[in-house]
Amino acid sequence: MSNFFKNAFNDMKESAKAQHEVDKANFAAAKAESKAQWEEAKAMGKPETRKAMMQAERDEQIAKANERIADAQARIDAVK
């Protein structure tokens, strides 16, 4: 009977250690994500960074629109 309790407590000890490692990893990940969000927010305060980001978004939208135009033209040509 004492061997059962010895094994049970040893299993609980190992489980607690493993859970602690998981908790440490999750905390480190949350800390890194928080710092990344802070740095992004801080960078958005700079006008040149904001302008560059907005220009990149506009360029992406223009590229998508041009792709849609090309697809539509291909469909028109297929019908003729």
PDB file of N, CA and C in Angstrom:
ATOM      1  N   MET A   1       0.830  -1.201   0.000  1.00  0.00           N
ATOM      2  CA  MET A   1       0.000   0.000   0.000  1.00  0.00           C
ATOM      3  C   MET A   1       0.870   1.259   0.000  1.00  0.00           C
ATOM      4  N   SER A   2       1.953   1.251   0.766  1.00  0.00           N
ATOM      5  CA  SER A   2       2.813   2.434   0.814  1.00  0.00           C
ATOM      6  C   SER A   2       3.481   2.670  -0.532  1.00  0.00           C
ATOM      7  N   ASN A   3       3.741   1.608  -1.275  1.00  0.00           N
ATOM      8  CA  ASN A   3       4.330   1.740  -2.600  1.00  0.00           C
ATOM      9  C   ASN A   3       3.360   2.456  -3.546  1.00  0.00           C
ATOM     10  N   PHE A   4       2.068   2.187  -3.401  1.00  0.00           N
ATOM     11  CA  PHE A   4       1.049   2.851  -4.208  1.00  0.00           C
ATOM     12  C   PHE A   4       1.092   4.355  -3.974  1.00  0.00           C
ATOM     13  N   PHE A   5       1.122   4.772  -2.702  1.00  0.00           N
ATOM     14  CA  PHE A   5       1.159   6.203  -2.392  1.00  0.00           C
ATOM     15  C   PHE A   5       2.457   6.840  -2.858  1.00  0.00           C
ATOM     16  N   LYS A   6       3.567   6.104  -2.721  1.00  0.00           N
ATOM     17  CA  LYS A   6       4.862   6.618  -3.168  1.00  0.00           C
ATOM     18  C   LYS A   6       4.818   6.896  -4.670  1.00  0.00           C
ATOM     19  N   ASN A   7       4.265   5.948  -5.433  1.00  0.00           N
ATOM     20  CA  ASN A   7       4.154   6.130  -6.882  1.00  0.00           C
ATOM     21  C   ASN A   7       3.175   7.250  -7.233  1.00  0.00           C
ATOM     22  N   ALA A   8       2.066   7.322  -6.510  1.00  0.00           N
ATOM     23  CA  ALA A   8       1.070   8.353  -6.783  1.00  0.00           C
ATOM     24  C   ALA A   8       1.642   9.740  -6.543  1.00  0.00           C
ATOM     25  N   PHE A   9       2.343   9.937  -5.430  1.00  0.00           N
ATOM     26  CA  PHE A   9       2.925  11.239  -5.130  1.00  0.00           C
ATOM     27  C   PHE A   9       4.061  11.574  -6.090  1.00  0.00           C
ATOM     28  N   ASN A  10       4.805  10.574  -6.512  1.00  0.00           N
ATOM     29  CA  ASN A  10       5.869  10.797  -7.487  1.00  0.00           C
ATOM     30  C   ASN A  10       5.269  11.226  -8.825  1.00  0.00           C
ATOM     31  N   ASP A  11       4.161  10.585  -9.228  1.00  0.00           N
ATOM     32  CA  ASP A  11       3.480  10.976 -10.468  1.00  0.00           C
ATOM     33  C   ASP A  11       2.959  12.405 -10.382  1.00  0.00           C
ATOM     34  N   MET A  12       2.383  12.762  -9.234  1.00  0.00           N
ATOM     35  CA  MET A  12       1.881  14.133  -9.051  1.00  0.00           C
ATOM     36  C   MET A  12       3.024  15.137  -9.118  1.00  0.00           C
ATOM     37  N   LYS A  13       4.169  14.782  -8.548  1.00  0.00           N
ATOM     38  CA  LYS A  13       5.337  15.666  -8.563  1.00  0.00           C
ATOM     39  C   LYS A  13       5.817  15.895  -9.995  1.00  0.00           C
ATOM     40  N   GLU A  14       5.911  14.828 -10.778  1.00  0.00           N
ATOM     41  CA  GLU A  14       6.339  14.941 -12.175  1.00  0.00           C
ATOM     42  C   GLU A  14       5.329  15.737 -12.999  1.00  0.00           C
ATOM     43  N   SER A  15       4.054  15.517 -12.739  1.00  0.00           N
ATOM     44  CA  SER A  15       3.012  16.249 -13.444  1.00  0.00           C
ATOM     45  C   SER A  15       3.086  17.741 -13.126  1.00  0.00           C
ATOM     46  N   ALA A  16       3.328  18.060 -11.870  1.00  0.00           N
ATOM     47  CA  ALA A  16       3.439  19.468 -11.462  1.00  0.00           C
ATOM     48  C   ALA A  16       4.639  20.130 -12.131  1.00  0.00           C
ATOM     49  N   LYS A  17       5.742  19.409 -12.223  1.00  0.00           N
ATOM     50  CA  LYS A  17       6.937  19.951 -12.888  1.00  0.00           C
ATOM     51  C   LYS A  17       6.648  20.217 -14.368  1.00  0.00           C
ATOM     52  N   ALA A  18       6.002  19.267 -15.012  1.00  0.00           N
ATOM     53  CA  ALA A  18       5.689  19.423 -16.435  1.00  0.00           C
ATOM     54  C   ALA A  18       4.728  20.594 -16.651  1.00  0.00           C
ATOM     55  N   GLN A  19       3.728  20.721 -15.800  1.00  0.00           N
ATOM     56  CA  GLN A  19       2.773  21.826 -15.926  1.00  0.00           C
ATOM     57  C   GLN A  19       3.458  23.166 -15.689  1.00  0.00           C
ATOM     58  N   HIS A  20       4.427  23.188 -14.774  1.00  0.00           N
ATOM     59  CA  HIS A  20       5.171  24.413 -14.515  1.00  0.00           C
ATOM     60  C   HIS A  20       5.954  24.839 -15.754  1.00  0.00           C
ATOM     61  N   GLU A  21       6.546  23.873 -16.458  1.00  0.00           N
ATOM     62  CA  GLU A  21       7.265  24.189 -17.690  1.00  0.00           C
ATOM     63  C   GLU A  21       6.315  24.748 -18.742  1.00  0.00           C
ATOM     64  N   VAL A  22       5.122  24.171 -18.841  1.00  0.00           N
ATOM     65  CA  VAL A  22       4.124  24.671 -19.792  1.00  0.00           C
ATOM     66  C   VAL A  22       3.724  26.094 -19.426  1.00  0.00           C
ATOM     67  N   ASP A  23       3.493  26.335 -18.140  1.00  0.00           N
ATOM     68  CA  ASP A  23       3.115  27.668 -17.686  1.00  0.00           C
ATOM     69  C   ASP A  23       4.211  28.690 -17.972  1.00  0.00           C
ATOM     70  N   LYS A  24       5.478  28.303 -17.749  1.00  0.00           N
ATOM     71  CA  LYS A  24       6.582  29.210 -18.036  1.00  0.00           C
ATOM     72  C   LYS A  24       6.642  29.548 -19.517  1.00  0.00           C
ATOM     73  N   ALA A  25       6.442  28.549 -20.370  1.00  0.00           N
ATOM     74  CA  ALA A  25       6.481  28.779 -21.816  1.00  0.00           C
ATOM     75  C   ALA A  25       5.326  29.684 -22.250  1.00  0.00           C
ATOM     76  N   ASN A  26       4.139  29.442 -21.717  1.00  0.00           N
ATOM     77  CA  ASN A  26       2.982  30.281 -22.064  1.00  0.00           C
ATOM     78  C   ASN A  26       3.186  31.718 -21.585  1.00  0.00           C
ATOM     79  N   PHE A  27       3.757  31.893 -20.409  1.00  0.00           N
ATOM     80  CA  PHE A  27       4.015  33.237 -19.892  1.00  0.00           C
ATOM     81  C   PHE A  27       5.024  33.961 -20.774  1.00  0.00           C
ATOM     82  N   ALA A  28       6.078  33.254 -21.185  1.00  0.00           N
ATOM     83  CA  ALA A  28       7.085  33.867 -22.051  1.00  0.00           C
ATOM     84  C   ALA A  28       6.471  34.261 -23.396  1.00  0.00           C
ATOM     85  N   ALA A  29       5.591  33.425 -23.926  1.00  0.00           N
ATOM     86  CA  ALA A  29       4.939  33.739 -25.200  1.00  0.00           C
ATOM     87  C   ALA A  29       4.033  34.960 -25.063  1.00  0.00           C
ATOM     88  N   ALA A  30       3.268  35.029 -23.973  1.00  0.00           N
ATOM     89  CA  ALA A  30       2.390  36.176 -23.749  1.00  0.00           C
ATOM     90  C   ALA A  30       3.203  37.452 -23.580  1.00  0.00           C
ATOM     91  N   LYS A  31       4.319  37.350 -22.892  1.00  0.00           N
ATOM     92  CA  LYS A  31       5.193  38.505 -22.685  1.00  0.00           C
ATOM     93  C   LYS A  31       5.762  38.997 -24.017  1.00  0.00           C
ATOM     94  N   ALA A  32       6.192  38.066 -24.875  1.00  0.00           N
ATOM     95  CA  ALA A  32       6.740  38.439 -26.179  1.00  0.00           C
ATOM     96  C   ALA A  32       5.674  39.069 -27.067  1.00  0.00           C
ATOM     97  N   GLU A  33       4.452  38.514 -27.038  1.00  0.00           N
ATOM     98  CA  GLU A  33       3.366  39.087 -27.836  1.00  0.00           C
ATOM     99  C   GLU A  33       3.021  40.491 -27.360  1.00  0.00           C
ATOM    100  N   SER A  34       3.024  40.692 -26.059  1.00  0.00           N
ATOM    101  CA  SER A  34       2.727  42.005 -25.502  1.00  0.00           C
ATOM    102  C   SER A  34       3.777  43.026 -25.933  1.00  0.00           C
ATOM    103  N   LYS A  35       5.045  42.622 -25.898  1.00  0.00           N
ATOM    104  CA  LYS A  35       6.112  43.532 -26.318  1.00  0.00           C
ATOM    105  C   LYS A  35       5.984  43.856 -27.800  1.00  0.00           C
ATOM    106  N   ALA A  36       5.623  42.858 -28.617  1.00  0.00           N
ATOM    107  CA  ALA A  36       5.455  43.094 -30.054  1.00  0.00           C
ATOM    108  C   ALA A  36       4.324  44.081 -30.308  1.00  0.00           C
ATOM    109  N   GLN A  37       3.218  43.928 -29.588  1.00  0.00           N
ATOM    110  CA  GLN A  37       2.105  44.864 -29.743  1.00  0.00           C
ATOM    111  C   GLN A  37       2.526  46.273 -29.329  1.00  0.00           C
ATOM    112  N   TRP A  38       3.294  46.374 -28.247  1.00  0.00           N
ATOM    113  CA  TRP A  38       3.758  47.684 -27.792  1.00  0.00           C
ATOM    114  C   TRP A  38       4.642  48.333 -28.842  1.00  0.00           C
ATOM    115  N   GLU A  39       5.573  47.559 -29.405  1.00  0.00           N
ATOM    116  CA  GLU A  39       6.478  48.110 -30.410  1.00  0.00           C
ATOM    117  C   GLU A  39       5.716  48.530 -31.668  1.00  0.00           C
ATOM    118  N   GLU A  40       4.711  47.750 -32.060  1.00  0.00           N
ATOM    119  CA  GLU A  40       3.897  48.125 -33.216  1.00  0.00           C
ATOM    120  C   GLU A  40       3.135  49.415 -32.947  1.00  0.00           C
ATOM    121  N   ALA A  41       2.565  49.530 -31.753  1.00  0.00           N
ATOM    122  CA  ALA A  41       1.819  50.741 -31.400  1.00  0.00           C
ATOM    123  C   ALA A  41       2.745  51.946 -31.351  1.00  0.00           C
ATOM    124  N   LYS A  42       3.936  51.754 -30.824  1.00  0.00           N
ATOM    125  CA  LYS A  42       4.901  52.845 -30.746  1.00  0.00           C
ATOM    126  C   LYS A  42       5.332  53.276 -32.146  1.00  0.00           C
ATOM    127  N   ALA A  43       5.509  52.310 -33.044  1.00  0.00           N
ATOM    128  CA  ALA A  43       5.915  52.629 -34.413  1.00  0.00           C
ATOM    129  C   ALA A  43       4.815  53.377 -35.157  1.00  0.00           C
ATOM    130  N   MET A  44       3.558  53.089 -34.834  1.00  0.00           N
ATOM    131  CA  MET A  44       2.448  53.773 -35.504  1.00  0.00           C
ATOM    132  C   MET A  44       2.384  55.243 -35.129  1.00  0.00           C
ATOM    133  N   GLY A  45       3.024  55.619 -34.057  1.00  0.00           N
ATOM    134  CA  GLY A  45       3.063  57.025 -33.669  1.00  0.00           C
ATOM    135  C   GLY A  45       3.953  57.853 -34.578  1.00  0.00           C
ATOM    136  N   LYS A  46       4.844  57.197 -35.295  1.00  0.00           N
ATOM    137  CA  LYS A  46       5.747  57.898 -36.207  1.00  0.00           C
ATOM    138  C   LYS A  46       5.061  58.058 -37.554  1.00  0.00           C
ATOM    139  N   PRO A  47       4.973  59.267 -38.067  1.00  0.00           N
ATOM    140  CA  PRO A  47       4.267  59.501 -39.337  1.00  0.00           C
ATOM    141  C   PRO A  47       4.840  58.722 -40.517  1.00  0.00           C
ATOM    142  N   GLU A  48       6.171  58.620 -40.602  1.00  0.00           N
ATOM    143  CA  GLU A  48       6.752  57.933 -41.759  1.00  0.00           C
ATOM    144  C   GLU A  48       6.416  56.439 -41.748  1.00  0.00           C
ATOM    145  N   THR A  49       6.344  55.837 -40.575  1.00  0.00           N
ATOM    146  CA  THR A  49       5.979  54.426 -40.488  1.00  0.00           C
ATOM    147  C   THR A  49       4.528  54.230 -40.888  1.00  0.00           C
ATOM    148  N   ARG A  50       3.677  55.112 -40.399  1.00  0.00           N
ATOM    149  CA  ARG A  50       2.256  55.016 -40.720  1.00  0.00           C
ATOM    150  C   ARG A  50       2.019  55.220 -42.221  1.00  0.00           C
ATOM    151  N   LYS A  51       2.710  56.197 -42.801  1.00  0.00           N
ATOM    152  CA  LYS A  51       2.560  56.445 -44.238  1.00  0.00           C
ATOM    153  C   LYS A  51       3.016  55.240 -45.057  1.00  0.00           C
ATOM    154  N   ALA A  52       4.119  54.633 -44.667  1.00  0.00           N
ATOM    155  CA  ALA A  52       4.628  53.473 -45.394  1.00  0.00           C
ATOM    156  C   ALA A  52       3.647  52.305 -45.306  1.00  0.00           C
ATOM    157  N   MET A  53       3.058  52.094 -44.128  1.00  0.00           N
ATOM    158  CA  MET A  53       2.097  51.012 -43.960  1.00  0.00           C
ATOM    159  C   MET A  53       0.852  51.264 -44.795  1.00  0.00           C
ATOM    160  N   MET A  54       0.364  52.490 -44.774  1.00  0.00           N
ATOM    161  CA  MET A  54      -0.829  52.825 -45.541  1.00  0.00           C
ATOM    162  C   MET A  54      -0.561  52.677 -47.042  1.00  0.00           C
ATOM    163  N   GLN A  55       0.619  53.076 -47.504  1.00  0.00           N
ATOM    164  CA  GLN A  55       0.967  52.948 -48.917  1.00  0.00           C
ATOM    165  C   GLN A  55       1.042  51.479 -49.324  1.00  0.00           C
ATOM    166  N   ALA A  56       1.584  50.647 -48.448  1.00  0.00           N
ATOM    167  CA  ALA A  56       1.654  49.215 -48.743  1.00  0.00           C
ATOM    168  C   ALA A  56       0.253  48.621 -48.865  1.00  0.00           C
ATOM    169  N   GLU A  57      -0.661  49.034 -48.001  1.00  0.00           N
ATOM    170  CA  GLU A  57      -2.048  48.559 -48.084  1.00  0.00           C
ATOM    171  C   GLU A  57      -2.703  49.010 -49.388  1.00  0.00           C
ATOM    172  N   ARG A  58      -2.472  50.266 -49.773  1.00  0.00           N
ATOM    173  CA  ARG A  58      -3.040  50.770 -51.024  1.00  0.00           C
ATOM    174  C   ARG A  58      -2.478  50.022 -52.217  1.00  0.00           C
ATOM    175  N   ASP A  59      -1.179  49.761 -52.208  1.00  0.00           N
ATOM    176  CA  ASP A  59      -0.556  49.018 -53.314  1.00  0.00           C
ATOM    177  C   ASP A  59      -1.154  47.618 -53.425  1.00  0.00           C
ATOM    178  N   GLU A  60      -1.389  46.984 -52.296  1.00  0.00           N
ATOM    179  CA  GLU A  60      -1.984  45.652 -52.298  1.00  0.00           C
ATOM    180  C   GLU A  60      -3.408  45.689 -52.855  1.00  0.00           C
ATOM    181  N   GLN A  61      -4.182  46.702 -52.468  1.00  0.00           N
ATOM    182  CA  GLN A  61      -5.544  46.827 -52.968  1.00  0.00           C
ATOM    183  C   GLN A  61      -5.558  47.084 -54.464  1.00  0.00           C
ATOM    184  N   ILE A  62      -4.632  47.900 -54.951  1.00  0.00           N
ATOM    185  CA  ILE A  62      -4.539  48.184 -56.384  1.00  0.00           C
ATOM    186  C   ILE A  62      -4.186  46.908 -57.152  1.00  0.00           C
ATOM    187  N   ALA A  63      -3.261  46.125 -56.607  1.00  0.00           N
ATOM    188  CA  ALA A  63      -2.875  44.874 -57.272  1.00  0.00           C
ATOM    189  C   ALA A  63      -4.054  43.913 -57.345  1.00  0.00           C
ATOM    190  N   LYS A  64      -4.823  43.823 -56.277  1.00  0.00           N
ATOM    191  CA  LYS A  64      -6.002  42.946 -56.279  1.00  0.00           C
ATOM    192  C   LYS A  64      -7.044  43.435 -57.279  1.00  0.00           C
ATOM    193  N   ALA A  65      -7.244  44.746 -57.344  1.00  0.00           N
ATOM    194  CA  ALA A  65      -8.212  45.309 -58.286  1.00  0.00           C
ATOM    195  C   ALA A  65      -7.779  45.038 -59.724  1.00  0.00           C
ATOM    196  N   ASN A  66      -6.494  45.196 -60.015  1.00  0.00           N
ATOM    197  CA  ASN A  66      -5.991  44.924 -61.365  1.00  0.00           C
ATOM    198  C   ASN A  66      -6.157  43.450 -61.725  1.00  0.00           C
ATOM    199  N   GLU A  67      -5.974  42.583 -60.761  1.00  0.00           N
ATOM    200  CA  GLU A  67      -6.171  41.150 -60.988  1.00  0.00           C
ATOM    201  C   GLU A  67      -7.634  40.855 -61.301  1.00  0.00           C
ATOM    202  N   ARG A  68      -8.540  41.494 -60.573  1.00  0.00           N
ATOM    203  CA  ARG A  68      -9.972  41.308 -60.833  1.00  0.00           C
ATOM    204  C   ARG A  68     -10.347  41.822 -62.219  1.00  0.00           C
ATOM    205  N   ILE A  69      -9.746  42.953 -62.620  1.00  0.00           N
ATOM    206  CA  ILE A  69     -10.004  43.504 -63.953  1.00  0.00           C
ATOM    207  C   ILE A  69      -9.534  42.524 -65.025  1.00  0.00           C
ATOM    208  N   ALA A  70      -8.349  41.958 -64.823  1.00  0.00           N
ATOM    209  CA  ALA A  70      -7.822  41.002 -65.799  1.00  0.00           C
ATOM    210  C   ALA A  70      -8.706  39.758 -65.880  1.00  0.00           C
ATOM    211  N   ASP A  71      -9.183  39.281 -64.744  1.00  0.00           N
ATOM    212  CA  ASP A  71     -10.084  38.121 -64.735  1.00  0.00           C
ATOM    213  C   ASP A  71     -11.393  38.440 -65.461  1.00  0.00           C
ATOM    214  N   ALA A  72     -11.922  39.614 -65.198  1.00  0.00           N
ATOM    215  CA  ALA A  72     -13.174  40.013 -65.857  1.00  0.00           C
ATOM    216  C   ALA A  72     -12.967  40.133 -67.365  1.00  0.00           C
ATOM    217  N   GLN A  73     -11.851  40.697 -67.796  1.00  0.00           N
ATOM    218  CA  GLN A  73     -11.567  40.841 -69.220  1.00  0.00           C
ATOM    219  C   GLN A  73     -11.417  39.469 -69.878  1.00  0.00           C
ATOM    220  N   ALA A  74     -10.802  38.535 -69.165  1.00  0.00           N
ATOM    221  CA  ALA A  74     -10.668  37.180 -69.690  1.00  0.00           C
ATOM    222  C   ALA A  74     -12.035  36.530 -69.862  1.00  0.00           C
ATOM    223  N   ARG A  75     -12.935  36.756 -68.933  1.00  0.00           N
ATOM    224  CA  ARG A  75     -14.294  36.218 -69.044  1.00  0.00           C
ATOM    225  C   ARG A  75     -15.035  36.861 -70.209  1.00  0.00           C
ATOM    226  N   ILE A  76     -14.828  38.160 -70.413  1.00  0.00           N
ATOM    227  CA  ILE A  76     -15.472  38.867 -71.546  1.00  0.00           C
ATOM    228  C   ILE A  76     -14.965  38.294 -72.865  1.00  0.00           C
ATOM    229  N   ASP A  77     -13.631  38.116 -72.948  1.00  0.00           N
ATOM    230  CA  ASP A  77     -13.048  37.584 -74.182  1.00  0.00           C
ATOM    231  C   ASP A  77     -13.509  36.138 -74.447  1.00  0.00           C
ATOM    232  N   ALA A  78     -13.724  35.383 -73.387  1.00  0.00           N
ATOM    233  CA  ALA A  78     -14.176  33.993 -73.544  1.00  0.00           C
ATOM    234  C   ALA A  78     -15.590  33.933 -74.102  1.00  0.00           C
ATOM    235  N   VAL A  79     -16.413  34.917 -73.782  1.00  0.00           N
ATOM    236  CA  VAL A  79     -17.789  34.942 -74.241  1.00  0.00           C
ATOM    237  C   VAL A  79     -17.853  35.340 -75.714  1.00  0.00           C
ATOM    238  N   LYS A  80     -16.975  36.194 -76.159  1.00  0.00           N
ATOM    239  CA  LYS A  80     -17.017  36.696 -77.552  1.00  0.00           C
ATOM    240  C   LYS A  80     -16.604  35.677 -78.544  1.00  0.00           C
TER     241      LYS A  80
END
